[in-house]
Amino acid sequence: MHNLLAVASFLVLLLSQISEIDSTKFRLVNKCRYTVWPGILTGANRTPLNPTGFTLKSGKSRTLSVPPSWSGRLWGRTHCSRDSTGKFSCATADCASGKIQCEGAGAIPPATLAEFTLNGDQGLDFYDVSLVDGYNIPMLIVPRGGTSGGCASTGCLIDLNGACPAALKVARENGSGSVACKSACEAFHDPQFCCSDAYATPDTCRPSEYSLFFKYACPRAYSYAYDDKTSTFTCASADYIIIFCPLPYTSQKLLGARKEVAELPLVNKTMMYLHHNSG
């Protein structure tokens, strides 16, 4: 009996080590000048990724081991605090759990989302940065050590809150400044912006002036529901760095290849666009 228990314990330890070796690593890095509270939501019928929320101070990072074939999304909550009862809440991308851990709740729009499906079709990871639910914070995904599938970096390096169209702006509680930028779907609840009802196909739902604002600023990020061709990326056997508030200089160092730096994003043209349209 003692030998059986010893063998069982050994097998459990061995399986946990194999799982650790096979698991993908997500390294979350906060380059913002302020604290960010990452939130994590695992897709249905997938092994949960824990923790589901935590504090990430400016300049800090945290590495998570992600279960095989995981699918879900990550985001950054900002302007968070506790009230007199101890309830935790955030001005942007709150998950409404009342705690730092999101506990299975998703981000309340607007929120910049990093979305992943690991070990999908043909063993590839599928990933994107989505502004379909609006925008609250710059974000960059950088694959490291991938073996196939393109493995391009993607994201949105630009702070869009200041240049956000007036109809989409989310102001601070005191009314000064902007902390997030709504999607047109959330702002107007119109099927043509939500790609719903009669607009629920790629042929009937087309880019709008509002989704093009996001697309011009962040050409590799999802800007509306059917923006797949330029916004979904693949890689195999990679680990991923997810950066909040990536600086152009930081991204150059991480991305390495000059060609990719020039393409992600076209910073000069983007800044000219935002400056021209900020009024």
C-alpha atoms as a PDB file:
ATOM      1  CA  MET A   1       0.000   0.000   0.000  1.00  0.00           C
ATOM      2  CA  HIS A   2       2.836   2.340   0.889  1.00  0.00           C
ATOM      3  CA  ASN A   3       4.512   1.606  -2.464  1.00  0.00           C
ATOM      4  CA  LEU A   4       1.272   2.329  -4.340  1.00  0.00           C
ATOM      5  CA  LEU A   5       0.944   5.691  -2.620  1.00  0.00           C
ATOM      6  CA  ALA A   6       4.567   6.492  -3.440  1.00  0.00           C
ATOM      7  CA  VAL A   7       4.053   5.595  -7.107  1.00  0.00           C
ATOM      8  CA  ALA A   8       0.836   7.648  -7.274  1.00  0.00           C
ATOM      9  CA  SER A   9       2.570  10.652  -5.723  1.00  0.00           C
ATOM     10  CA  PHE A  10       5.428  10.313  -8.193  1.00  0.00           C
ATOM     11  CA  LEU A  11       3.037  10.186 -11.158  1.00  0.00           C
ATOM     12  CA  VAL A  12       1.189  13.285  -9.962  1.00  0.00           C
ATOM     13  CA  LEU A  13       4.503  15.136  -9.597  1.00  0.00           C
ATOM     14  CA  LEU A  14       5.665  13.941 -13.021  1.00  0.00           C
ATOM     15  CA  LEU A  15       2.430  14.989 -14.718  1.00  0.00           C
ATOM     16  CA  SER A  16       2.577  18.414 -13.092  1.00  0.00           C
ATOM     17  CA  GLN A  17       6.146  18.879 -14.328  1.00  0.00           C
ATOM     18  CA  ILE A  18       5.205  17.796 -17.860  1.00  0.00           C
ATOM     19  CA  SER A  19       2.268  20.209 -17.790  1.00  0.00           C
ATOM     20  CA  GLU A  20       4.578  22.983 -16.633  1.00  0.00           C
ATOM     21  CA  ILE A  21       7.036  22.237 -19.452  1.00  0.00           C
ATOM     22  CA  ASP A  22       4.279  22.121 -22.094  1.00  0.00           C
ATOM     23  CA  SER A  23       2.466  25.197 -20.835  1.00  0.00           C
ATOM     24  CA  THR A  24       2.680  28.520 -22.620  1.00  0.00           C
ATOM     25  CA  LYS A  25       4.094  31.468 -20.711  1.00  0.00           C
ATOM     26  CA  PHE A  26       2.396  34.865 -20.684  1.00  0.00           C
ATOM     27  CA  ARG A  27       4.595  37.647 -19.350  1.00  0.00           C
ATOM     28  CA  LEU A  28       2.504  40.715 -18.537  1.00  0.00           C
ATOM     29  CA  VAL A  29       4.535  43.935 -18.399  1.00  0.00           C
ATOM     30  CA  ASN A  30       3.296  47.318 -17.196  1.00  0.00           C
ATOM     31  CA  LYS A  31       5.069  50.167 -18.973  1.00  0.00           C
ATOM     32  CA  CYS A  32       2.366  52.656 -17.966  1.00  0.00           C
ATOM     33  CA  ARG A  33       3.210  55.479 -15.586  1.00  0.00           C
ATOM     34  CA  TYR A  34       0.436  54.219 -13.320  1.00  0.00           C
ATOM     35  CA  THR A  35      -0.760  50.950 -11.804  1.00  0.00           C
ATOM     36  CA  VAL A  36      -2.789  48.598 -13.998  1.00  0.00           C
ATOM     37  CA  TRP A  37      -4.979  45.766 -12.706  1.00  0.00           C
ATOM     38  CA  PRO A  38      -4.967  42.980 -15.349  1.00  0.00           C
ATOM     39  CA  GLY A  39      -8.169  40.980 -15.704  1.00  0.00           C
ATOM     40  CA  ILE A  40      -8.383  37.501 -17.233  1.00  0.00           C
ATOM     41  CA  LEU A  41     -11.392  35.585 -18.560  1.00  0.00           C
ATOM     42  CA  THR A  42     -11.140  31.957 -19.705  1.00  0.00           C
ATOM     43  CA  GLY A  43     -13.382  30.759 -22.529  1.00  0.00           C
ATOM     44  CA  ALA A  44     -16.161  28.233 -21.970  1.00  0.00           C
ATOM     45  CA  ASN A  45     -15.131  24.601 -21.391  1.00  0.00           C
ATOM     46  CA  ARG A  46     -11.445  25.477 -21.028  1.00  0.00           C
ATOM     47  CA  THR A  47      -9.133  24.971 -18.060  1.00  0.00           C
ATOM     48  CA  PRO A  48      -9.195  28.286 -16.145  1.00  0.00           C
ATOM     49  CA  LEU A  49      -6.128  30.493 -16.058  1.00  0.00           C
ATOM     50  CA  ASN A  50      -5.441  31.776 -12.562  1.00  0.00           C
ATOM     51  CA  PRO A  51      -5.251  34.296 -11.091  1.00  0.00           C
ATOM     52  CA  THR A  52      -8.206  36.011 -12.769  1.00  0.00           C
ATOM     53  CA  GLY A  53      -7.016  39.450 -11.673  1.00  0.00           C
ATOM     54  CA  PHE A  54      -4.132  41.081  -9.856  1.00  0.00           C
ATOM     55  CA  THR A  55      -2.262  44.327  -9.269  1.00  0.00           C
ATOM     56  CA  LEU A  56       0.606  45.258 -11.589  1.00  0.00           C
ATOM     57  CA  LYS A  57       2.463  48.386 -10.552  1.00  0.00           C
ATOM     58  CA  SER A  58       4.243  50.679 -12.997  1.00  0.00           C
ATOM     59  CA  GLY A  59       7.484  49.124 -14.257  1.00  0.00           C
ATOM     60  CA  LYS A  60       6.628  45.651 -12.934  1.00  0.00           C
ATOM     61  CA  SER A  61       5.920  42.363 -14.697  1.00  0.00           C
ATOM     62  CA  ARG A  62       4.403  38.985 -13.868  1.00  0.00           C
ATOM     63  CA  THR A  63       4.712  35.658 -15.697  1.00  0.00           C
ATOM     64  CA  LEU A  64       1.797  33.212 -15.836  1.00  0.00           C
ATOM     65  CA  SER A  65       1.804  29.552 -16.894  1.00  0.00           C
ATOM     66  CA  VAL A  66      -1.117  29.046 -19.267  1.00  0.00           C
ATOM     67  CA  PRO A  67      -2.929  25.683 -19.562  1.00  0.00           C
ATOM     68  CA  PRO A  68      -2.572  23.806 -22.885  1.00  0.00           C
ATOM     69  CA  SER A  69      -5.220  24.704 -25.488  1.00  0.00           C
ATOM     70  CA  TRP A  70      -6.301  27.673 -23.384  1.00  0.00           C
ATOM     71  CA  SER A  71      -8.668  30.209 -24.904  1.00  0.00           C
ATOM     72  CA  GLY A  72      -9.638  33.542 -23.429  1.00  0.00           C
ATOM     73  CA  ARG A  73      -8.892  37.224 -23.103  1.00  0.00           C
ATOM     74  CA  LEU A  74      -6.793  39.580 -21.006  1.00  0.00           C
ATOM     75  CA  TRP A  75      -7.178  43.299 -20.404  1.00  0.00           C
ATOM     76  CA  GLY A  76      -5.954  46.126 -18.188  1.00  0.00           C
ATOM     77  CA  ARG A  77      -8.220  47.862 -15.670  1.00  0.00           C
ATOM     78  CA  THR A  78      -7.349  51.434 -14.723  1.00  0.00           C
ATOM     79  CA  HIS A  79      -8.248  54.034 -12.086  1.00  0.00           C
ATOM     80  CA  CYS A  80      -9.176  51.356  -9.543  1.00  0.00           C
ATOM     81  CA  SER A  81      -9.895  51.768  -5.838  1.00  0.00           C
ATOM     82  CA  ARG A  82     -11.875  50.404  -2.889  1.00  0.00           C
ATOM     83  CA  ASP A  83     -14.849  52.174  -1.360  1.00  0.00           C
ATOM     84  CA  SER A  84     -15.628  52.492   2.352  1.00  0.00           C
ATOM     85  CA  THR A  85     -17.078  48.962   2.406  1.00  0.00           C
ATOM     86  CA  GLY A  86     -14.009  47.430   0.792  1.00  0.00           C
ATOM     87  CA  LYS A  87     -15.660  46.913  -2.588  1.00  0.00           C
ATOM     88  CA  PHE A  88     -13.116  47.062  -5.416  1.00  0.00           C
ATOM     89  CA  SER A  89     -14.006  48.811  -8.688  1.00  0.00           C
ATOM     90  CA  CYS A  90     -12.315  50.450 -11.663  1.00  0.00           C
ATOM     91  CA  ALA A  91     -13.208  53.417 -13.837  1.00  0.00           C
ATOM     92  CA  THR A  92     -12.296  51.483 -17.011  1.00  0.00           C
ATOM     93  CA  ALA A  93     -12.618  47.800 -17.979  1.00  0.00           C
ATOM     94  CA  ASP A  94     -14.061  46.825 -14.582  1.00  0.00           C
ATOM     95  CA  CYS A  95     -15.206  43.219 -14.258  1.00  0.00           C
ATOM     96  CA  ALA A  96     -17.802  44.064 -11.573  1.00  0.00           C
ATOM     97  CA  SER A  97     -16.756  41.273  -9.217  1.00  0.00           C
ATOM     98  CA  GLY A  98     -16.168  43.736  -6.409  1.00  0.00           C
ATOM     99  CA  LYS A  99     -12.725  42.197  -5.975  1.00  0.00           C
ATOM    100  CA  ILE A 100      -9.283  42.356  -7.584  1.00  0.00           C
ATOM    101  CA  GLN A 101      -9.951  38.830  -8.912  1.00  0.00           C
ATOM    102  CA  CYS A 102     -12.491  38.869 -11.742  1.00  0.00           C
ATOM    103  CA  GLU A 103     -13.758  35.361 -10.890  1.00  0.00           C
ATOM    104  CA  GLY A 104     -15.203  34.488 -14.292  1.00  0.00           C
ATOM    105  CA  ALA A 105     -16.513  37.939 -15.193  1.00  0.00           C
ATOM    106  CA  GLY A 106     -15.433  39.784 -18.339  1.00  0.00           C
ATOM    107  CA  ALA A 107     -14.468  43.397 -18.907  1.00  0.00           C
ATOM    108  CA  ILE A 108     -17.198  46.016 -19.012  1.00  0.00           C
ATOM    109  CA  PRO A 109     -16.665  48.002 -22.254  1.00  0.00           C
ATOM    110  CA  PRO A 110     -14.871  50.013 -23.318  1.00  0.00           C
ATOM    111  CA  ALA A 111     -11.781  47.854 -22.975  1.00  0.00           C
ATOM    112  CA  THR A 112      -8.726  47.008 -25.070  1.00  0.00           C
ATOM    113  CA  LEU A 113      -8.596  43.195 -25.236  1.00  0.00           C
ATOM    114  CA  ALA A 114      -5.804  40.714 -25.900  1.00  0.00           C
ATOM    115  CA  GLU A 115      -7.476  37.548 -27.200  1.00  0.00           C
ATOM    116  CA  PHE A 116      -5.896  34.085 -27.492  1.00  0.00           C
ATOM    117  CA  THR A 117      -6.769  30.587 -28.640  1.00  0.00           C
ATOM    118  CA  LEU A 118      -3.784  28.302 -28.041  1.00  0.00           C
ATOM    119  CA  ASN A 119      -3.121  25.054 -29.928  1.00  0.00           C
ATOM    120  CA  GLY A 120      -5.997  25.599 -32.308  1.00  0.00           C
ATOM    121  CA  ASP A 121      -6.320  24.541 -35.958  1.00  0.00           C
ATOM    122  CA  GLN A 122      -3.128  22.822 -37.188  1.00  0.00           C
ATOM    123  CA  GLY A 123      -1.559  23.332 -33.772  1.00  0.00           C
ATOM    124  CA  LEU A 124      -1.389  27.092 -34.197  1.00  0.00           C
ATOM    125  CA  ASP A 125      -2.034  29.763 -31.601  1.00  0.00           C
ATOM    126  CA  PHE A 126      -4.463  32.449 -32.785  1.00  0.00           C
ATOM    127  CA  TYR A 127      -4.199  35.867 -31.169  1.00  0.00           C
ATOM    128  CA  ASP A 128      -5.258  39.466 -31.656  1.00  0.00           C
ATOM    129  CA  VAL A 129      -5.657  42.822 -29.935  1.00  0.00           C
ATOM    130  CA  SER A 130      -9.263  43.921 -30.234  1.00  0.00           C
ATOM    131  CA  LEU A 131     -10.829  47.378 -30.079  1.00  0.00           C
ATOM    132  CA  VAL A 132     -14.247  46.012 -31.052  1.00  0.00           C
ATOM    133  CA  ASP A 133     -15.400  46.622 -27.468  1.00  0.00           C
ATOM    134  CA  GLY A 134     -13.759  50.045 -27.438  1.00  0.00           C
ATOM    135  CA  TYR A 135     -10.419  51.182 -26.069  1.00  0.00           C
ATOM    136  CA  ASN A 136      -9.016  52.094 -22.685  1.00  0.00           C
ATOM    137  CA  ILE A 137      -5.254  51.474 -22.765  1.00  0.00           C
ATOM    138  CA  PRO A 138      -2.455  50.823 -25.301  1.00  0.00           C
ATOM    139  CA  MET A 139      -1.467  47.154 -25.541  1.00  0.00           C
ATOM    140  CA  LEU A 140       1.057  45.071 -27.474  1.00  0.00           C
ATOM    141  CA  ILE A 141       1.415  41.286 -27.935  1.00  0.00           C
ATOM    142  CA  VAL A 142       4.936  40.036 -28.760  1.00  0.00           C
ATOM    143  CA  PRO A 143       5.437  36.304 -29.525  1.00  0.00           C
ATOM    144  CA  ARG A 144       8.788  34.847 -28.448  1.00  0.00           C
ATOM    145  CA  GLY A 145      10.364  31.614 -29.685  1.00  0.00           C
ATOM    146  CA  GLY A 146       7.629  30.577 -32.119  1.00  0.00           C
ATOM    147  CA  THR A 147       8.399  27.819 -34.628  1.00  0.00           C
ATOM    148  CA  SER A 148       5.905  28.579 -37.401  1.00  0.00           C
ATOM    149  CA  GLY A 149       2.813  30.570 -38.349  1.00  0.00           C
ATOM    150  CA  GLY A 150       4.224  34.045 -38.928  1.00  0.00           C
ATOM    151  CA  CYS A 151       4.510  35.013 -35.262  1.00  0.00           C
ATOM    152  CA  ALA A 152       4.063  38.745 -35.918  1.00  0.00           C
ATOM    153  CA  SER A 153       3.581  41.204 -33.096  1.00  0.00           C
ATOM    154  CA  THR A 154       0.298  43.052 -32.929  1.00  0.00           C
ATOM    155  CA  GLY A 155      -1.406  45.691 -30.869  1.00  0.00           C
ATOM    156  CA  CYS A 156      -2.118  49.352 -30.446  1.00  0.00           C
ATOM    157  CA  LEU A 157       0.791  51.529 -29.320  1.00  0.00           C
ATOM    158  CA  ILE A 158      -1.073  54.816 -29.348  1.00  0.00           C
ATOM    159  CA  ASP A 159      -2.987  56.481 -26.515  1.00  0.00           C
ATOM    160  CA  LEU A 160      -6.306  57.192 -28.242  1.00  0.00           C
ATOM    161  CA  ASN A 161      -8.177  58.700 -25.302  1.00  0.00           C
ATOM    162  CA  GLY A 162      -7.240  62.306 -25.994  1.00  0.00           C
ATOM    163  CA  ALA A 163      -8.154  62.091 -29.677  1.00  0.00           C
ATOM    164  CA  CYS A 164     -11.296  60.006 -29.205  1.00  0.00           C
ATOM    165  CA  PRO A 165     -14.319  61.389 -31.122  1.00  0.00           C
ATOM    166  CA  ALA A 166     -16.570  63.368 -28.781  1.00  0.00           C
ATOM    167  CA  ALA A 167     -19.493  60.955 -29.236  1.00  0.00           C
ATOM    168  CA  LEU A 168     -17.344  58.045 -28.023  1.00  0.00           C
ATOM    169  CA  LYS A 169     -15.445  59.666 -25.146  1.00  0.00           C
ATOM    170  CA  VAL A 170     -15.690  58.409 -21.577  1.00  0.00           C
ATOM    171  CA  ALA A 171     -14.774  61.264 -19.236  1.00  0.00           C
ATOM    172  CA  ARG A 172     -13.323  61.124 -15.750  1.00  0.00           C
ATOM    173  CA  GLU A 173     -15.761  61.384 -12.850  1.00  0.00           C
ATOM    174  CA  ASN A 174     -14.933  65.059 -12.438  1.00  0.00           C
ATOM    175  CA  GLY A 175     -15.578  65.604 -16.157  1.00  0.00           C
ATOM    176  CA  SER A 176     -11.981  66.459 -17.006  1.00  0.00           C
ATOM    177  CA  GLY A 177     -10.103  64.492 -19.631  1.00  0.00           C
ATOM    178  CA  SER A 178     -10.959  61.140 -21.149  1.00  0.00           C
ATOM    179  CA  VAL A 179     -10.207  57.710 -19.661  1.00  0.00           C
ATOM    180  CA  ALA A 180     -11.615  55.500 -22.429  1.00  0.00           C
ATOM    181  CA  CYS A 181     -13.120  55.498 -25.913  1.00  0.00           C
ATOM    182  CA  LYS A 182     -16.367  53.632 -26.618  1.00  0.00           C
ATOM    183  CA  SER A 183     -17.095  51.556 -29.666  1.00  0.00           C
ATOM    184  CA  ALA A 184     -19.810  52.944 -31.936  1.00  0.00           C
ATOM    185  CA  CYS A 185     -21.922  49.884 -31.072  1.00  0.00           C
ATOM    186  CA  GLU A 186     -21.860  50.729 -27.366  1.00  0.00           C
ATOM    187  CA  ALA A 187     -22.343  54.444 -27.977  1.00  0.00           C
ATOM    188  CA  PHE A 188     -25.281  54.253 -30.387  1.00  0.00           C
ATOM    189  CA  HIS A 189     -26.708  50.688 -30.063  1.00  0.00           C
ATOM    190  CA  ASP A 190     -27.261  50.693 -33.809  1.00  0.00           C
ATOM    191  CA  PRO A 191     -27.211  47.304 -35.635  1.00  0.00           C
ATOM    192  CA  GLN A 192     -25.068  48.709 -38.453  1.00  0.00           C
ATOM    193  CA  PHE A 193     -22.309  49.481 -35.919  1.00  0.00           C
ATOM    194  CA  CYS A 194     -22.884  46.279 -33.920  1.00  0.00           C
ATOM    195  CA  CYS A 195     -22.908  43.944 -36.962  1.00  0.00           C
ATOM    196  CA  SER A 196     -26.254  42.539 -35.770  1.00  0.00           C
ATOM    197  CA  ASP A 197     -29.726  41.913 -37.202  1.00  0.00           C
ATOM    198  CA  ALA A 198     -29.678  42.789 -40.925  1.00  0.00           C
ATOM    199  CA  TYR A 199     -25.957  43.637 -40.642  1.00  0.00           C
ATOM    200  CA  ALA A 200     -24.830  40.279 -39.215  1.00  0.00           C
ATOM    201  CA  THR A 201     -22.671  39.169 -42.161  1.00  0.00           C
ATOM    202  CA  PRO A 202     -19.335  40.326 -43.594  1.00  0.00           C
ATOM    203  CA  ASP A 203     -21.161  41.524 -46.726  1.00  0.00           C
ATOM    204  CA  THR A 204     -23.670  43.715 -44.901  1.00  0.00           C
ATOM    205  CA  CYS A 205     -21.509  44.997 -42.019  1.00  0.00           C
ATOM    206  CA  ARG A 206     -18.867  47.349 -43.310  1.00  0.00           C
ATOM    207  CA  PRO A 207     -16.334  49.656 -41.605  1.00  0.00           C
ATOM    208  CA  SER A 208     -17.787  52.894 -40.264  1.00  0.00           C
ATOM    209  CA  GLU A 209     -16.180  56.279 -39.751  1.00  0.00           C
ATOM    210  CA  TYR A 210     -15.841  55.327 -36.093  1.00  0.00           C
ATOM    211  CA  SER A 211     -14.195  51.938 -36.650  1.00  0.00           C
ATOM    212  CA  LEU A 212     -11.878  53.593 -39.176  1.00  0.00           C
ATOM    213  CA  PHE A 213     -10.727  55.981 -36.444  1.00  0.00           C
ATOM    214  CA  PHE A 214      -9.433  52.931 -34.549  1.00  0.00           C
ATOM    215  CA  LYS A 215      -8.100  51.273 -37.710  1.00  0.00           C
ATOM    216  CA  TYR A 216      -6.090  54.264 -38.923  1.00  0.00           C
ATOM    217  CA  ALA A 217      -4.540  54.656 -35.474  1.00  0.00           C
ATOM    218  CA  CYS A 218      -3.900  50.948 -34.876  1.00  0.00           C
ATOM    219  CA  PRO A 219      -3.764  49.161 -38.240  1.00  0.00           C
ATOM    220  CA  ARG A 220      -3.141  45.685 -36.789  1.00  0.00           C
ATOM    221  CA  ALA A 221      -5.864  45.769 -34.143  1.00  0.00           C
ATOM    222  CA  TYR A 222      -9.449  44.587 -34.634  1.00  0.00           C
ATOM    223  CA  SER A 223     -11.602  47.639 -35.287  1.00  0.00           C
ATOM    224  CA  TYR A 224     -15.023  46.019 -35.925  1.00  0.00           C
ATOM    225  CA  ALA A 225     -16.495  42.514 -35.888  1.00  0.00           C
ATOM    226  CA  TYR A 226     -15.441  41.405 -39.389  1.00  0.00           C
ATOM    227  CA  ASP A 227     -11.979  42.948 -39.421  1.00  0.00           C
ATOM    228  CA  ASP A 228     -10.321  39.503 -39.572  1.00  0.00           C
ATOM    229  CA  LYS A 229      -7.951  39.707 -42.544  1.00  0.00           C
ATOM    230  CA  THR A 230      -5.588  42.317 -41.096  1.00  0.00           C
ATOM    231  CA  SER A 231      -6.108  41.629 -37.404  1.00  0.00           C
ATOM    232  CA  THR A 232      -5.775  37.896 -36.584  1.00  0.00           C
ATOM    233  CA  PHE A 233      -2.280  36.439 -36.204  1.00  0.00           C
ATOM    234  CA  THR A 234      -0.896  32.935 -35.711  1.00  0.00           C
ATOM    235  CA  CYS A 235       2.155  31.310 -34.178  1.00  0.00           C
ATOM    236  CA  ALA A 236       3.134  27.843 -32.940  1.00  0.00           C
ATOM    237  CA  SER A 237       4.954  26.863 -29.741  1.00  0.00           C
ATOM    238  CA  ALA A 238       5.532  30.453 -28.628  1.00  0.00           C
ATOM    239  CA  ASP A 239       5.494  32.289 -25.341  1.00  0.00           C
ATOM    240  CA  TYR A 240       3.944  35.769 -25.313  1.00  0.00           C
ATOM    241  CA  ILE A 241       4.828  39.130 -23.837  1.00  0.00           C
ATOM    242  CA  ILE A 242       1.756  41.308 -23.255  1.00  0.00           C
ATOM    243  CA  ILE A 243       2.726  44.928 -22.667  1.00  0.00           C
ATOM    244  CA  PHE A 244       0.474  47.651 -21.286  1.00  0.00           C
ATOM    245  CA  CYS A 245       1.402  51.157 -22.556  1.00  0.00           C
ATOM    246  CA  PRO A 246       4.228  49.995 -24.848  1.00  0.00           C
ATOM    247  CA  LEU A 247       6.583  52.767 -25.876  1.00  0.00           C
ATOM    248  CA  PRO A 248       7.684  52.915 -29.537  1.00  0.00           C
ATOM    249  CA  TYR A 249      11.305  52.666 -28.411  1.00  0.00           C
ATOM    250  CA  THR A 250      10.517  49.711 -26.180  1.00  0.00           C
ATOM    251  CA  SER A 251       8.707  47.947 -28.993  1.00  0.00           C
ATOM    252  CA  GLN A 252      11.638  48.499 -31.343  1.00  0.00           C
ATOM    253  CA  LYS A 253      13.926  46.752 -28.892  1.00  0.00           C
ATOM    254  CA  LEU A 254      11.525  43.853 -28.425  1.00  0.00           C
ATOM    255  CA  LEU A 255      10.461  43.425 -32.027  1.00  0.00           C
ATOM    256  CA  GLY A 256      14.020  43.467 -33.313  1.00  0.00           C
ATOM    257  CA  ALA A 257      13.407  43.257 -37.059  1.00  0.00           C
ATOM    258  CA  ARG A 258      13.539  46.691 -38.696  1.00  0.00           C
ATOM    259  CA  LYS A 259      10.879  45.809 -41.219  1.00  0.00           C
ATOM    260  CA  GLU A 260       8.373  44.911 -38.515  1.00  0.00           C
ATOM    261  CA  VAL A 261       9.164  48.031 -36.503  1.00  0.00           C
ATOM    262  CA  ALA A 262       8.335  50.127 -39.571  1.00  0.00           C
ATOM    263  CA  GLU A 263       4.989  48.375 -39.915  1.00  0.00           C
ATOM    264  CA  LEU A 264       3.814  48.361 -36.295  1.00  0.00           C
ATOM    265  CA  PRO A 265       2.366  50.857 -36.322  1.00  0.00           C
ATOM    266  CA  LEU A 266       3.168  53.651 -38.755  1.00  0.00           C
ATOM    267  CA  VAL A 267       3.744  55.877 -35.774  1.00  0.00           C
ATOM    268  CA  ASN A 268       4.517  59.119 -37.601  1.00  0.00           C
ATOM    269  CA  LYS A 269       1.498  58.856 -39.891  1.00  0.00           C
ATOM    270  CA  THR A 270      -0.701  57.819 -36.983  1.00  0.00           C
ATOM    271  CA  MET A 271       0.375  60.738 -34.825  1.00  0.00           C
ATOM    272  CA  MET A 272      -0.213  63.123 -37.734  1.00  0.00           C
ATOM    273  CA  TYR A 273      -3.702  61.651 -38.175  1.00  0.00           C
ATOM    274  CA  LEU A 274      -4.536  61.949 -34.476  1.00  0.00           C
ATOM    275  CA  HIS A 275      -3.178  65.499 -34.279  1.00  0.00           C
ATOM    276  CA  HIS A 276      -5.171  66.539 -37.338  1.00  0.00           C
ATOM    277  CA  ASN A 277      -8.385  64.972 -35.988  1.00  0.00           C
ATOM    278  CA  SER A 278      -8.067  65.804 -32.300  1.00  0.00           C
ATOM    279  CA  GLY A 279     -10.161  68.956 -32.574  1.00  0.00           C
END
